[in-house]
Each structure stands twice: as C-alpha cells, then as structure tokens.
Amino acid sequence: MPARNGDTVTVHYRGTLEDGTVFDSSEGRAPLLFTLGEGDVIPGFEAAVLGLEVGEKASAFAAPRGPSVGDVWGGAPGMEIVVANAGETSDTVAVYDGSGDLLGTATVDAELASGSRAWYTLPVELDGASPGVELAVAVNGFDGTSTVNVFRQSGGGLSATPTRFDTGLARATGSLAAGDVDGDGTPELIVGNGGWWASGVGPSAQVFDGVLALAQTLPLGGTERAGSVPLAVGDLGAIGLSRHPVGAVAGSHNSTETAPFARHVECVDCHDPHEATSTVAAAPAVYGALKGVFGVAVTNIGAGSAITYAQAQPIANEYEVCFKCHSGYGGWPGVRDVASEVNTQNVSVHAVEASRLASAPASTFEAGWAPDSVLYCGDCHGTADAGIPAGPHVSSASPLLKRPVFGVTVSDSGMLCYACHKRSIYYTGADDTGTASLFYDAAEGALHARHTLGAGLSCAACHVSHGSPTEDRLTRADVGLTRAPSGGSCVGSCHPGAGASYTRP
C-alpha cells in the first residue's frame, strides 16, 4: 500500500551535495521515524516519501516542478523523467529512469544569484546534427533576467554546458512548447513569458528556430495581463484571417431580412448590385457602396440595450447595415450587442450614430478629427492588408480592423487608437502639458504616459472600445474612475484600498 498522509513511516536516507559529498545519512543507525502530513520533516523530503511502497526508494530535490518525459539520456534505455529543481542552491534539473532511479543532474546557466529558478522542462528535437533530442529548460527570473537553456546529449547523459538565451528582463519565463509553427517541416521551440506587473512588462511568446535562434516575439497584451502563459501547439485546421464568412451558412439568406433568421452573411447582405455607386458621404449617412441594402434602424429609449428596432428598407445610415447582425435585433445567443455600446444615450461613446461632444480637447486628436466628430464603423473596421479590396471583408488585424490593436504593444505607432488619438499625448506624453488630455497631475505629470509608456498598460486596460452606458470617457466599469473639477481618483483592481488620486494644475 502506498504511503499517504497520516501514515507513520520509517525511512533510511542519505543527503548529498551536488558533487556527491554525503553530508548526512541514517546508514549505521536507526531509520528516521515520522508521520506524513504533520510537518515533521522538510516538505521536499515528505513529498518524495508520499506514494512509496515498502522497500521502494526515491530521490528528492528542493521544490521540484515542470516535469516532462522524453529520451534525453542516451546511456539509458527507454524514456526518462525530467524534473526542474527550483529550490536548490544551484538550480538543477534531475533525470530519472522509468523506475524512479536518479540517472544524473545538470546545472542550469542563469542569473541564479539574482533569484532565477529552473521552472519548466521539455525534451525537443531542435538540432538534427546532434545525437538524440535536446532538453530545453525555462529558467524563471521573475523581475530579473529570465533564461532558456538547451542541453544536448553527450557521453551517455547531458552536456555540462547548455546553450543559453536570455529572454529578457522581467519576462518571467515559465512555460515551453514545441511544434512546427512555420511550416518548414521541423519543430520550433515556443517560450511563454508571463511578464511582470511591477516592472511594466506584459506577457509574450517567443518562437525559436533551431537551437535558440530567436525568430519571432509575439506580444500577448499589456502589463494588465501579466501572469503565467500556458502554451499548447496543435493543428487547428484551416484558420484564415479575420473575416466576414461569406457563404459559410448555406441557404440561410432571407431576401427581406426579417427576423428571425439564421445568422449568416452573403455579399448581398451589404451590397445591392443594382443601386451601389462610388459616391462618398459624411458619417453617419450611407455611402455608395452600401446603398439600397436592407438594415435595421434603432430608436434609443434609454442607455445600453434600451433600444427598439425597426427594419430600414433601404438603410439611410452605414451603421444600420451593421446592426442587422451586431445588435440585439436577431436574438442570437453569444452575439455582441454593439448597438447597445454605441447607444447615443450612453454616458460615453465613440459617436457612430450621431455627434456627441467628447470630453477630450481638440488638441489631443489627429488632423481630420475633432471632439464632435462622427465615425463610420468602417473608420476602424476594414482591412489592414495591402492588395485586398477596401472594406470589412478580411483582415490580418482581428476583429476586422484597419490597424492592429491585439498582438502589438501599446508603444507601436501603427496601433489603431493612434489613427485618431495622438500618440504624443497618450503614449510619449511629449505634447501633454496639463491642458491636453486632462488626465494630468500637478506633481506626477502626464498620467496617460505614466500608464502606457511607464507601466506598459494597453489602452484596453482602462478603456472600452465602443462605449459605456454608465462610465465617462469610455472607461471600464472596474477601473473605478471618479472625476472632480480639479482632478479625480481611481479605486479598483489596480489601485485597491484608498485608490489613487490626481490633481490637475
């Protein structure tokens, strides 16, 4: 029967240093007697004993984690078990055979004196010129320098000196995966970096081609998403660009578009080949490409979803064709109700239906935009790719955006938000002198820049994209923003307790 908590056990033990020197042993004396689960011995020792049968043995290291299975020890038959020992004085990975016997250890190359710890292991074939598979080890540096080590096989075991790549400061590298993600027929190593909130570093994934040749770094969000990054690599089939999936639901088109009908999209849902023209218009009025199609008109009787719908045959405004699907009109489960988000009776909106005077001063907008501007849906949604017909048909920037928001960092000058809102105000702060964005503190200076440039937070950390029924300045409800004539305060997940306040000059 395997040992379990509450059992009293007797154990013979031997403690050795990494060079094999014995520093303590029960050999030649009575075995150690203790009860499992009562904290009588150090946790690592107790964890090694749990589950053992009478007569079995095990090796124990401090803080074992990140186990994996693979043929990494050429001198032993079959597969081996690899464990990262995150609590050792000099971090190691331990390799065991299928019976649990220790075959050997390998010491990682990292900034261990600064607190880095071996965190995750993965056997993977990265170098076809070397024998057997390699062993990749993620070394978590937390707010310091994180590292990836790759051990090749040598002399029947692992090489003493690994290949090392520093993933970066405050990357908090903690996960690994492998797979052919670029279609070249050989696997790549994918490294998950959790990022570090206090250092303003968001999560990311790094793709290595071969033995630690960095091929690509993929941002996974702003600092607000810092944490662990679980990884998985798999073939999900033909996943294309973000698109309106024309023809995906055969036989569902209704010529009158009278609800209820199955959710679908066909070319004729947005374009009437008899009435379409090349004429332009001013938002929100319908322009030539959409003329003649049926849509949905709205009457906003309150904020949010307090909307009544009626057919618009044909549409008078661009948004009416969008609301045919992206609203509460069709009653489909799981569909985002964008009409409720841009409702003109909301506290704040991106003005799609009608002009709404924004609180942001005119000096914060790029040329061509003003606080009372009206937007087309197509000002944000379209294609980000050259050579593709204009309009929200297909885009590499999801969801059908003309410029990316996701998969880029807030520092990227090509991010969608900066098409209208000055980057020099909201990121660098160079043009925010206290009378521009209004989010400014007399002592701390430009607070948008403090959050983006300084802390690495994305726009989405504090703001919603379309509008808010209850919050001013397109602010997320969980931010807890309260404004006052002389400044304001935030009380929420970022600033708990008493919160943080600012006073304008």
Protein backbone atom coordinates (compact mmCIF):
# COMPACT_ATOMS: atom_id res chain seq x y z
CA MET A 1 0.00 0.00 0.00
CA PRO A 2 1.46 3.41 -0.93
CA ALA A 3 2.37 5.79 1.89
CA ARG A 4 -0.15 8.57 2.44
CA ASN A 5 -0.81 11.46 4.83
CA GLY A 6 -1.45 10.23 8.37
CA ASP A 7 0.76 7.16 7.98
CA THR A 8 3.71 6.77 10.34
CA VAL A 9 6.74 5.63 8.34
CA THR A 10 10.37 4.66 8.92
CA VAL A 11 12.83 5.85 6.28
CA HIS A 12 16.53 5.38 5.69
CA TYR A 13 18.03 8.41 3.93
CA ARG A 14 21.25 9.84 2.60
CA GLY A 15 21.81 13.55 1.90
CA THR A 16 24.45 14.57 -0.63
CA LEU A 17 25.78 17.79 -2.08
CA GLU A 18 25.72 18.34 -5.84
CA ASP A 19 29.27 16.97 -6.11
CA GLY A 20 28.21 13.73 -4.39
CA THR A 21 29.63 14.52 -0.95
CA VAL A 22 27.49 12.92 1.79
CA PHE A 23 26.54 15.48 4.46
CA ASP A 24 24.06 13.35 6.44
CA SER A 25 22.90 9.74 6.48
CA SER A 26 20.94 7.24 8.55
CA GLU A 27 23.22 4.40 7.48
CA GLY A 28 24.55 2.53 10.51
CA ARG A 29 21.90 3.93 12.80
CA ALA A 30 18.13 3.78 13.36
CA PRO A 31 15.94 4.95 10.47
CA LEU A 32 14.02 8.22 10.63
CA LEU A 33 10.53 7.82 12.13
CA PHE A 34 7.83 10.42 11.33
CA THR A 35 4.14 10.86 10.43
CA LEU A 36 3.31 12.07 6.96
CA GLY A 37 1.33 15.29 6.75
CA GLU A 38 2.31 16.70 10.14
CA GLY A 39 5.30 18.78 9.05
CA ASP A 40 7.86 16.73 10.96
CA VAL A 41 10.36 16.87 8.07
CA ILE A 42 11.11 19.34 5.30
CA PRO A 43 8.43 19.48 2.57
CA GLY A 44 10.65 18.17 -0.23
CA PHE A 45 11.61 15.10 1.82
CA GLU A 46 8.00 14.38 2.70
CA ALA A 47 6.85 14.81 -0.90
CA ALA A 48 9.42 12.20 -2.01
CA VAL A 49 8.10 9.67 0.51
CA LEU A 50 4.42 10.11 -0.30
CA GLY A 51 3.21 7.31 -2.56
CA LEU A 52 6.14 4.96 -1.95
CA GLU A 53 5.57 1.28 -1.24
CA VAL A 54 7.54 -0.65 1.39
CA GLY A 55 11.05 -1.25 0.03
CA GLU A 56 10.84 1.44 -2.66
CA LYS A 57 13.27 4.35 -2.85
CA ALA A 58 13.23 7.86 -4.31
CA SER A 59 15.50 10.85 -4.78
CA ALA A 60 14.41 14.26 -3.51
CA PHE A 61 15.38 17.78 -4.50
CA ALA A 62 14.04 21.11 -3.28
CA ALA A 63 10.91 22.49 -4.95
CA PRO A 64 10.53 20.04 -7.86
CA ARG A 65 8.37 21.36 -10.72
CA GLY A 66 7.92 21.42 -14.50
CA PRO A 67 8.24 17.64 -15.11
CA SER A 68 8.46 16.18 -18.60
CA VAL A 69 9.08 12.81 -20.26
CA GLY A 70 11.46 12.08 -23.14
CA ASP A 71 14.52 10.17 -24.27
CA VAL A 72 17.15 12.67 -23.11
CA TRP A 73 19.69 10.31 -21.50
CA GLY A 74 21.37 8.31 -24.25
CA GLY A 75 23.08 5.93 -21.83
CA ALA A 76 19.77 4.58 -20.51
CA PRO A 77 17.09 2.59 -22.36
CA GLY A 78 13.59 3.93 -22.86
CA MET A 79 12.15 7.24 -21.77
CA GLU A 80 13.32 9.35 -18.87
CA ILE A 81 11.53 11.68 -16.44
CA VAL A 82 12.97 15.19 -16.13
CA VAL A 83 12.21 17.49 -13.21
CA ALA A 84 13.29 21.09 -12.58
CA ASN A 85 14.54 21.62 -9.04
CA ALA A 86 13.55 25.21 -8.33
CA GLY A 87 14.68 25.33 -4.73
CA GLU A 88 18.26 24.14 -4.96
CA THR A 89 21.15 26.43 -4.03
CA SER A 90 22.44 25.98 -7.57
CA ASP A 91 19.42 25.21 -9.72
CA THR A 92 19.46 21.85 -11.45
CA VAL A 93 17.31 19.54 -13.49
CA ALA A 94 17.20 15.93 -12.40
CA VAL A 95 16.80 12.99 -14.80
CA TYR A 96 15.24 9.74 -13.59
CA ASP A 97 14.75 6.41 -15.33
CA GLY A 98 11.36 4.74 -15.59
CA SER A 99 11.83 3.07 -12.21
CA GLY A 100 12.45 6.39 -10.45
CA ASP A 101 16.19 5.93 -10.05
CA LEU A 102 18.23 9.10 -10.44
CA LEU A 103 20.43 8.96 -13.54
CA GLY A 104 22.04 12.34 -13.03
CA THR A 105 21.58 16.09 -12.84
CA ALA A 106 22.51 19.10 -14.95
CA THR A 107 23.11 22.60 -13.63
CA VAL A 108 21.39 25.45 -15.46
CA ASP A 109 23.23 28.53 -16.70
CA ALA A 110 21.33 31.59 -15.45
CA GLU A 111 21.38 34.54 -13.06
CA LEU A 112 20.84 32.26 -10.06
CA ALA A 113 22.35 34.73 -7.58
CA SER A 114 19.57 37.16 -8.52
CA GLY A 115 16.86 34.63 -7.76
CA SER A 116 16.35 32.86 -11.11
CA ARG A 117 14.91 29.37 -10.78
CA ALA A 118 14.68 26.34 -13.08
CA TRP A 119 10.97 26.30 -13.81
CA TYR A 120 9.92 24.10 -16.73
CA THR A 121 11.45 21.30 -18.81
CA LEU A 122 10.75 19.99 -22.30
CA PRO A 123 12.54 17.33 -24.39
CA VAL A 124 12.50 18.51 -28.02
CA GLU A 125 14.36 17.81 -31.27
CA LEU A 126 15.93 21.13 -32.26
CA ASP A 127 19.33 20.20 -33.67
CA GLY A 128 19.33 17.40 -36.21
CA ALA A 129 23.15 17.41 -36.25
CA SER A 130 23.46 16.34 -32.62
CA PRO A 131 22.57 12.88 -31.27
CA GLY A 132 19.11 12.35 -29.79
CA VAL A 133 16.69 15.01 -28.62
CA GLU A 134 17.68 18.09 -26.69
CA LEU A 135 16.40 19.16 -23.27
CA ALA A 136 15.02 22.70 -23.08
CA VAL A 137 14.72 24.34 -19.64
CA ALA A 138 12.86 27.57 -18.86
CA VAL A 139 14.58 29.49 -16.07
CA ASN A 140 12.24 31.99 -14.44
CA GLY A 141 13.98 35.21 -13.43
CA PHE A 142 10.74 36.79 -12.17
CA ASP A 143 11.54 40.55 -12.17
CA GLY A 144 15.16 39.84 -13.08
CA THR A 145 16.64 38.22 -16.20
CA SER A 146 14.89 35.07 -17.41
CA THR A 147 16.69 32.49 -19.49
CA VAL A 148 16.20 29.46 -21.69
CA ASN A 149 18.79 26.67 -21.61
CA VAL A 150 19.11 23.88 -24.14
CA PHE A 151 21.15 20.80 -23.13
CA ARG A 152 22.44 18.48 -25.84
CA GLN A 153 23.15 14.82 -25.18
CA SER A 154 26.78 13.96 -24.55
CA GLY A 155 28.66 10.96 -23.19
CA GLY A 156 25.53 8.96 -22.46
CA GLY A 157 23.96 11.82 -20.49
CA LEU A 158 23.54 15.57 -20.84
CA SER A 159 26.19 18.11 -21.72
CA ALA A 160 27.62 20.04 -18.78
CA THR A 161 27.31 23.38 -20.56
CA PRO A 162 23.96 24.30 -22.13
CA THR A 163 23.25 26.80 -24.88
CA ARG A 164 21.80 29.87 -23.18
CA PHE A 165 19.43 32.60 -24.41
CA ASP A 166 18.30 35.42 -22.11
CA THR A 167 14.63 36.09 -22.88
CA GLY A 168 14.78 39.47 -21.17
CA LEU A 169 14.40 41.48 -18.01
CA ALA A 170 11.15 40.92 -16.09
CA ARG A 171 9.95 38.42 -18.70
CA ALA A 172 9.14 35.77 -16.04
CA THR A 173 9.72 32.90 -18.47
CA GLY A 174 7.76 29.92 -17.20
CA SER A 175 6.47 27.60 -19.93
CA LEU A 176 7.62 25.76 -23.06
CA ALA A 177 6.03 24.02 -26.03
CA ALA A 178 7.24 22.70 -29.36
CA GLY A 179 5.79 22.22 -32.83
CA ASP A 180 6.19 23.14 -36.46
CA VAL A 181 4.56 26.57 -36.37
CA ASP A 182 6.18 27.98 -39.52
CA GLY A 183 5.56 25.03 -41.85
CA ASP A 184 9.21 24.24 -42.56
CA GLY A 185 8.90 20.59 -41.52
CA THR A 186 10.95 20.93 -38.33
CA PRO A 187 9.75 21.82 -34.82
CA GLU A 188 10.27 25.21 -33.26
CA LEU A 189 10.60 25.91 -29.55
CA ILE A 190 7.90 28.24 -28.20
CA VAL A 191 8.63 30.03 -24.93
CA GLY A 192 5.93 31.55 -22.72
CA ASN A 193 6.84 34.73 -20.83
CA GLY A 194 4.40 35.80 -18.14
CA GLY A 195 5.71 39.34 -17.77
CA TRP A 196 5.95 41.29 -14.54
CA TRP A 197 3.34 43.78 -13.36
CA ALA A 198 5.60 45.93 -11.17
CA SER A 199 8.16 46.28 -13.96
CA GLY A 200 5.63 47.23 -16.64
CA VAL A 201 6.32 44.17 -18.78
CA GLY A 202 3.40 42.38 -20.41
CA PRO A 203 3.18 38.69 -21.38
CA SER A 204 4.64 37.41 -24.63
CA ALA A 205 5.58 34.29 -26.55
CA GLN A 206 8.92 33.82 -28.28
CA VAL A 207 9.48 31.41 -31.17
CA PHE A 208 12.94 29.89 -31.63
CA ASP A 209 14.05 28.22 -34.85
CA GLY A 210 16.78 25.67 -34.27
CA VAL A 211 18.80 25.86 -31.07
CA LEU A 212 17.79 29.22 -29.59
CA ALA A 213 17.82 31.31 -32.76
CA LEU A 214 15.06 33.82 -31.98
CA ALA A 215 12.68 34.01 -34.94
CA GLN A 216 9.71 35.95 -33.56
CA THR A 217 8.39 37.66 -30.45
CA LEU A 218 4.61 37.82 -30.08
CA PRO A 219 3.12 40.33 -27.60
CA LEU A 220 0.18 38.84 -25.71
CA GLY A 221 -1.23 42.01 -24.16
CA GLY A 222 -0.34 44.86 -21.87
CA THR A 223 1.03 44.65 -18.37
CA GLU A 224 -2.51 44.18 -17.08
CA ARG A 225 -2.33 40.62 -18.44
CA ALA A 226 0.96 39.74 -16.74
CA GLY A 227 0.99 36.29 -15.15
CA SER A 228 1.54 32.73 -16.32
CA VAL A 229 1.32 31.84 -20.03
CA PRO A 230 0.07 28.28 -20.64
CA LEU A 231 1.15 27.08 -24.08
CA ALA A 232 -0.23 24.50 -26.48
CA VAL A 233 0.70 23.77 -30.09
CA GLY A 234 -1.70 21.96 -32.36
CA ASP A 235 -3.08 21.79 -35.88
CA LEU A 236 -6.45 23.51 -35.75
CA GLY A 237 -7.06 23.18 -39.46
CA ALA A 238 -7.51 25.98 -41.95
CA ILE A 239 -7.67 29.08 -39.79
CA GLY A 240 -7.68 32.13 -42.02
CA LEU A 241 -7.75 35.84 -41.45
CA SER A 242 -10.44 37.66 -39.53
CA ARG A 243 -13.32 37.91 -42.00
CA HIS A 244 -17.00 38.12 -42.73
CA PRO A 245 -17.53 34.41 -43.59
CA VAL A 246 -19.50 34.77 -46.81
CA GLY A 247 -21.24 31.54 -47.81
CA ALA A 248 -20.46 29.72 -44.56
CA VAL A 249 -24.13 29.11 -43.71
CA ALA A 250 -25.69 27.87 -46.94
CA GLY A 251 -29.36 28.51 -47.64
CA SER A 252 -29.86 30.98 -44.80
CA HIS A 253 -30.24 34.22 -46.70
CA ASN A 254 -33.64 35.88 -46.44
CA SER A 255 -34.36 38.46 -49.12
CA THR A 256 -36.43 40.58 -46.72
CA GLU A 257 -34.03 40.08 -43.77
CA THR A 258 -36.99 39.86 -41.45
CA ALA A 259 -36.01 38.29 -38.13
CA PRO A 260 -35.82 35.58 -37.03
CA PHE A 261 -33.34 34.06 -39.45
CA ALA A 262 -30.15 32.04 -39.09
CA ARG A 263 -27.05 34.12 -38.52
CA HIS A 264 -25.16 34.35 -41.80
CA VAL A 265 -23.55 36.77 -44.23
CA GLU A 266 -23.68 36.97 -48.01
CA CYS A 267 -22.36 39.67 -50.34
CA VAL A 268 -25.93 40.89 -50.94
CA ASP A 269 -26.42 41.47 -47.21
CA CYS A 270 -24.17 44.51 -47.52
CA HIS A 271 -24.16 45.33 -51.24
CA ASP A 272 -27.02 45.87 -53.68
CA PRO A 273 -25.53 45.33 -57.17
CA HIS A 274 -28.33 47.42 -58.75
CA GLU A 275 -28.07 50.51 -56.57
CA ALA A 276 -24.44 50.59 -55.35
CA THR A 277 -22.37 53.55 -56.55
CA SER A 278 -18.94 55.00 -55.91
CA THR A 279 -20.25 58.13 -54.21
CA VAL A 280 -18.95 59.25 -50.82
CA ALA A 281 -20.86 60.72 -47.91
CA ALA A 282 -20.36 62.17 -44.44
CA ALA A 283 -20.84 59.96 -41.39
CA PRO A 284 -23.22 58.52 -40.44
CA ALA A 285 -25.01 58.74 -43.82
CA VAL A 286 -24.86 55.71 -46.10
CA TYR A 287 -22.26 55.89 -48.85
CA GLY A 288 -22.47 54.50 -52.35
CA ALA A 289 -21.10 51.01 -51.77
CA LEU A 290 -23.90 50.22 -49.31
CA LYS A 291 -26.81 51.99 -50.97
CA GLY A 292 -30.01 50.04 -51.49
CA VAL A 293 -29.45 47.26 -48.93
CA PHE A 294 -31.82 46.43 -46.10
CA GLY A 295 -30.81 47.06 -42.49
CA VAL A 296 -32.04 47.84 -39.00
CA ALA A 297 -32.93 51.30 -37.67
CA VAL A 298 -32.74 51.98 -33.94
CA THR A 299 -34.62 54.17 -31.51
CA ASN A 300 -32.70 54.62 -28.27
CA ILE A 301 -35.18 54.94 -25.41
CA GLY A 302 -32.55 54.65 -22.69
CA ALA A 303 -28.92 53.76 -22.18
CA GLY A 304 -27.42 50.40 -23.08
CA SER A 305 -29.83 47.84 -24.52
CA ALA A 306 -32.91 50.02 -24.09
CA ILE A 307 -33.43 50.07 -27.84
CA THR A 308 -36.34 49.41 -30.18
CA TYR A 309 -35.56 48.06 -33.64
CA ALA A 310 -37.31 48.55 -36.95
CA GLN A 311 -36.45 47.50 -40.47
CA ALA A 312 -34.73 50.06 -42.64
CA GLN A 313 -35.51 49.29 -46.28
CA PRO A 314 -33.22 50.68 -47.58
CA ILE A 315 -30.73 51.95 -45.00
CA ALA A 316 -30.13 55.66 -44.52
CA ASN A 317 -27.00 55.28 -42.35
CA GLU A 318 -24.00 52.98 -42.54
CA TYR A 319 -24.45 51.59 -39.01
CA GLU A 320 -27.91 50.28 -39.92
CA VAL A 321 -26.47 47.52 -42.08
CA CYS A 322 -24.03 46.61 -39.30
CA PHE A 323 -26.81 46.43 -36.70
CA LYS A 324 -28.58 43.78 -38.76
CA CYS A 325 -26.13 41.32 -37.16
CA HIS A 326 -24.17 43.20 -34.49
CA SER A 327 -27.04 44.10 -32.17
CA GLY A 328 -29.91 42.58 -30.22
CA TYR A 329 -32.12 42.57 -33.32
CA GLY A 330 -31.61 38.96 -34.40
CA GLY A 331 -31.74 37.49 -30.90
CA TRP A 332 -28.77 35.17 -31.48
CA PRO A 333 -27.01 33.85 -28.37
CA GLY A 334 -23.40 34.90 -27.94
CA VAL A 335 -23.58 37.83 -30.38
CA ARG A 336 -22.00 41.05 -29.16
CA ASP A 337 -24.61 43.79 -28.95
CA VAL A 338 -22.64 46.67 -30.43
CA ALA A 339 -25.81 48.77 -30.83
CA SER A 340 -26.10 48.89 -27.03
CA GLU A 341 -22.48 50.02 -26.78
CA VAL A 342 -22.76 52.95 -29.21
CA ASN A 343 -26.22 53.96 -27.98
CA THR A 344 -26.40 57.77 -28.07
CA GLN A 345 -27.90 57.79 -24.56
CA ASN A 346 -24.85 56.12 -23.05
CA VAL A 347 -22.66 58.18 -20.77
CA SER A 348 -19.80 57.98 -23.28
CA VAL A 349 -19.50 56.59 -26.80
CA HIS A 350 -17.48 56.56 -29.94
CA ALA A 351 -20.03 58.61 -31.87
CA VAL A 352 -21.27 56.31 -34.64
CA GLU A 353 -24.97 57.19 -34.73
CA ALA A 354 -24.80 60.96 -34.15
CA SER A 355 -22.42 63.64 -32.98
CA ARG A 356 -21.57 63.62 -29.28
CA LEU A 357 -19.19 66.19 -27.83
CA ALA A 358 -16.28 64.26 -26.32
CA SER A 359 -14.56 65.47 -23.16
CA ALA A 360 -11.12 65.24 -24.76
CA PRO A 361 -9.83 68.61 -26.04
CA ALA A 362 -9.34 69.15 -29.78
CA SER A 363 -5.55 69.26 -29.35
CA THR A 364 -5.49 65.55 -28.49
CA PHE A 365 -6.87 64.46 -31.89
CA GLU A 366 -5.01 63.80 -35.11
CA ALA A 367 -5.77 66.03 -38.11
CA GLY A 368 -9.25 65.46 -39.51
CA TRP A 369 -10.79 64.53 -36.17
CA ALA A 370 -12.41 66.66 -33.50
CA PRO A 371 -14.28 66.21 -30.20
CA ASP A 372 -17.64 66.28 -32.04
CA SER A 373 -16.66 64.04 -34.98
CA VAL A 374 -18.95 61.25 -36.12
CA LEU A 375 -17.32 57.97 -37.12
CA TYR A 376 -18.24 55.33 -39.63
CA CYS A 377 -17.92 51.75 -38.42
CA GLY A 378 -15.57 51.49 -41.40
CA ASP A 379 -13.21 54.07 -39.92
CA CYS A 380 -11.99 51.34 -37.56
CA HIS A 381 -13.15 48.16 -39.26
CA GLY A 382 -11.76 47.20 -42.66
CA THR A 383 -8.62 45.54 -43.92
CA ALA A 384 -5.10 46.05 -42.64
CA ASP A 385 -3.60 44.36 -45.69
CA ALA A 386 -2.32 45.79 -48.96
CA GLY A 387 -3.79 44.42 -52.17
CA ILE A 388 -7.13 43.47 -50.61
CA PRO A 389 -10.32 45.38 -51.56
CA ALA A 390 -11.20 48.10 -49.08
CA GLY A 391 -13.93 47.44 -46.57
CA PRO A 392 -14.59 44.99 -43.73
CA HIS A 393 -14.20 41.84 -45.79
CA VAL A 394 -10.99 40.26 -44.46
CA SER A 395 -8.09 41.49 -42.35
CA SER A 396 -5.00 40.16 -40.62
CA ALA A 397 -5.86 42.50 -37.72
CA SER A 398 -8.69 40.99 -35.69
CA PRO A 399 -11.56 41.71 -35.34
CA LEU A 400 -11.65 43.00 -38.93
CA LEU A 401 -9.62 46.10 -38.06
CA LYS A 402 -7.83 48.53 -40.38
CA ARG A 403 -4.89 48.66 -37.98
CA PRO A 404 -3.97 46.22 -35.19
CA VAL A 405 -4.94 46.53 -31.54
CA PHE A 406 -4.21 42.98 -30.38
CA GLY A 407 -0.84 41.33 -30.92
CA VAL A 408 1.03 44.63 -30.71
CA THR A 409 2.36 46.61 -27.77
CA VAL A 410 1.00 49.98 -26.75
CA SER A 411 4.26 51.52 -27.97
CA ASP A 412 3.52 50.54 -31.59
CA SER A 413 2.89 53.72 -33.61
CA GLY A 414 0.77 51.69 -36.04
CA MET A 415 -1.79 50.73 -33.40
CA LEU A 416 -5.39 51.58 -34.34
CA CYS A 417 -6.02 54.01 -31.48
CA TYR A 418 -3.26 56.30 -32.71
CA ALA A 419 -5.04 56.81 -36.03
CA CYS A 420 -7.28 59.34 -34.26
CA HIS A 421 -5.76 59.92 -30.82
CA LYS A 422 -2.29 61.48 -30.76
CA ARG A 423 0.45 59.12 -29.68
CA SER A 424 2.40 62.14 -28.43
CA ILE A 425 -0.40 62.69 -25.91
CA TYR A 426 -1.38 59.18 -24.91
CA TYR A 427 1.94 57.33 -25.09
CA THR A 428 5.02 59.53 -25.01
CA GLY A 429 3.28 62.40 -23.21
CA ALA A 430 5.50 64.87 -25.06
CA ASP A 431 2.54 67.07 -26.02
CA ASP A 432 0.53 66.56 -22.84
CA THR A 433 1.33 69.65 -20.81
CA GLY A 434 -1.61 69.72 -18.43
CA THR A 435 -4.22 71.26 -20.70
CA ALA A 436 -4.35 68.50 -23.32
CA SER A 437 -5.65 65.11 -22.18
CA LEU A 438 -6.93 66.43 -18.81
CA PHE A 439 -5.56 63.25 -17.20
CA TYR A 440 -2.64 65.08 -15.67
CA ASP A 441 -1.29 65.52 -12.17
CA ALA A 442 0.41 68.68 -10.97
CA ALA A 443 3.21 66.64 -9.38
CA GLU A 444 3.36 63.44 -11.46
CA GLY A 445 2.77 64.99 -14.89
CA ALA A 446 1.15 63.24 -17.87
CA LEU A 447 -0.76 60.28 -16.44
CA HIS A 448 -1.67 58.61 -19.72
CA ALA A 449 2.05 58.32 -20.50
CA ARG A 450 2.70 57.12 -16.96
CA HIS A 451 0.30 54.23 -17.53
CA THR A 452 1.32 53.35 -21.12
CA LEU A 453 4.98 54.27 -21.57
CA GLY A 454 5.78 53.92 -17.88
CA ALA A 455 3.76 50.87 -16.86
CA GLY A 456 3.21 49.12 -20.20
CA LEU A 457 -0.58 49.07 -19.86
CA SER A 458 -2.63 48.77 -23.03
CA CYS A 459 -5.49 51.14 -23.90
CA ALA A 460 -7.88 48.25 -23.17
CA ALA A 461 -6.65 48.07 -19.57
CA CYS A 462 -8.73 51.16 -18.77
CA HIS A 463 -11.00 51.81 -21.76
CA VAL A 464 -13.74 50.06 -23.71
CA SER A 465 -13.78 50.30 -27.48
CA HIS A 466 -17.34 51.33 -28.42
CA GLY A 467 -18.99 53.00 -25.47
CA SER A 468 -20.21 52.68 -21.90
CA PRO A 469 -23.77 53.04 -20.59
CA THR A 470 -22.51 54.09 -17.15
CA GLU A 471 -18.92 55.37 -17.31
CA ASP A 472 -17.44 58.62 -18.57
CA ARG A 473 -14.55 58.80 -21.07
CA LEU A 474 -15.07 55.25 -22.36
CA THR A 475 -13.71 53.97 -19.06
CA ARG A 476 -14.11 50.37 -17.97
CA ALA A 477 -16.51 49.97 -15.06
CA ASP A 478 -13.94 48.06 -12.99
CA VAL A 479 -11.44 50.95 -13.13
CA GLY A 480 -13.46 52.89 -10.57
CA LEU A 481 -12.82 56.35 -12.04
CA THR A 482 -14.36 59.30 -10.24
CA ARG A 483 -13.89 62.76 -11.72
CA ALA A 484 -13.86 66.11 -9.96
CA PRO A 485 -13.42 69.67 -11.31
CA SER A 486 -9.84 69.72 -10.07
CA GLY A 487 -8.85 66.12 -10.90
CA GLY A 488 -10.14 62.71 -9.95
CA SER A 489 -9.39 59.30 -8.48
CA CYS A 490 -9.35 55.60 -9.33
CA VAL A 491 -10.34 52.87 -6.90
CA GLY A 492 -10.18 49.40 -8.44
CA SER A 493 -8.06 46.34 -9.05
CA CYS A 494 -5.02 48.46 -10.00
CA HIS A 495 -5.39 50.90 -7.11
CA PRO A 496 -7.15 48.98 -4.30
CA GLY A 497 -7.99 50.29 -0.89
CA ALA A 498 -7.93 54.07 -0.80
CA GLY A 499 -7.13 54.18 -4.50
CA ALA A 500 -5.06 56.79 -6.29
CA SER A 501 -5.99 60.42 -6.87
CA TYR A 502 -4.69 63.19 -9.11
CA THR A 503 -4.94 66.97 -9.02
CA ARG A 504 -4.71 68.98 -12.21
CA PRO A 505 -2.54 72.10 -12.26
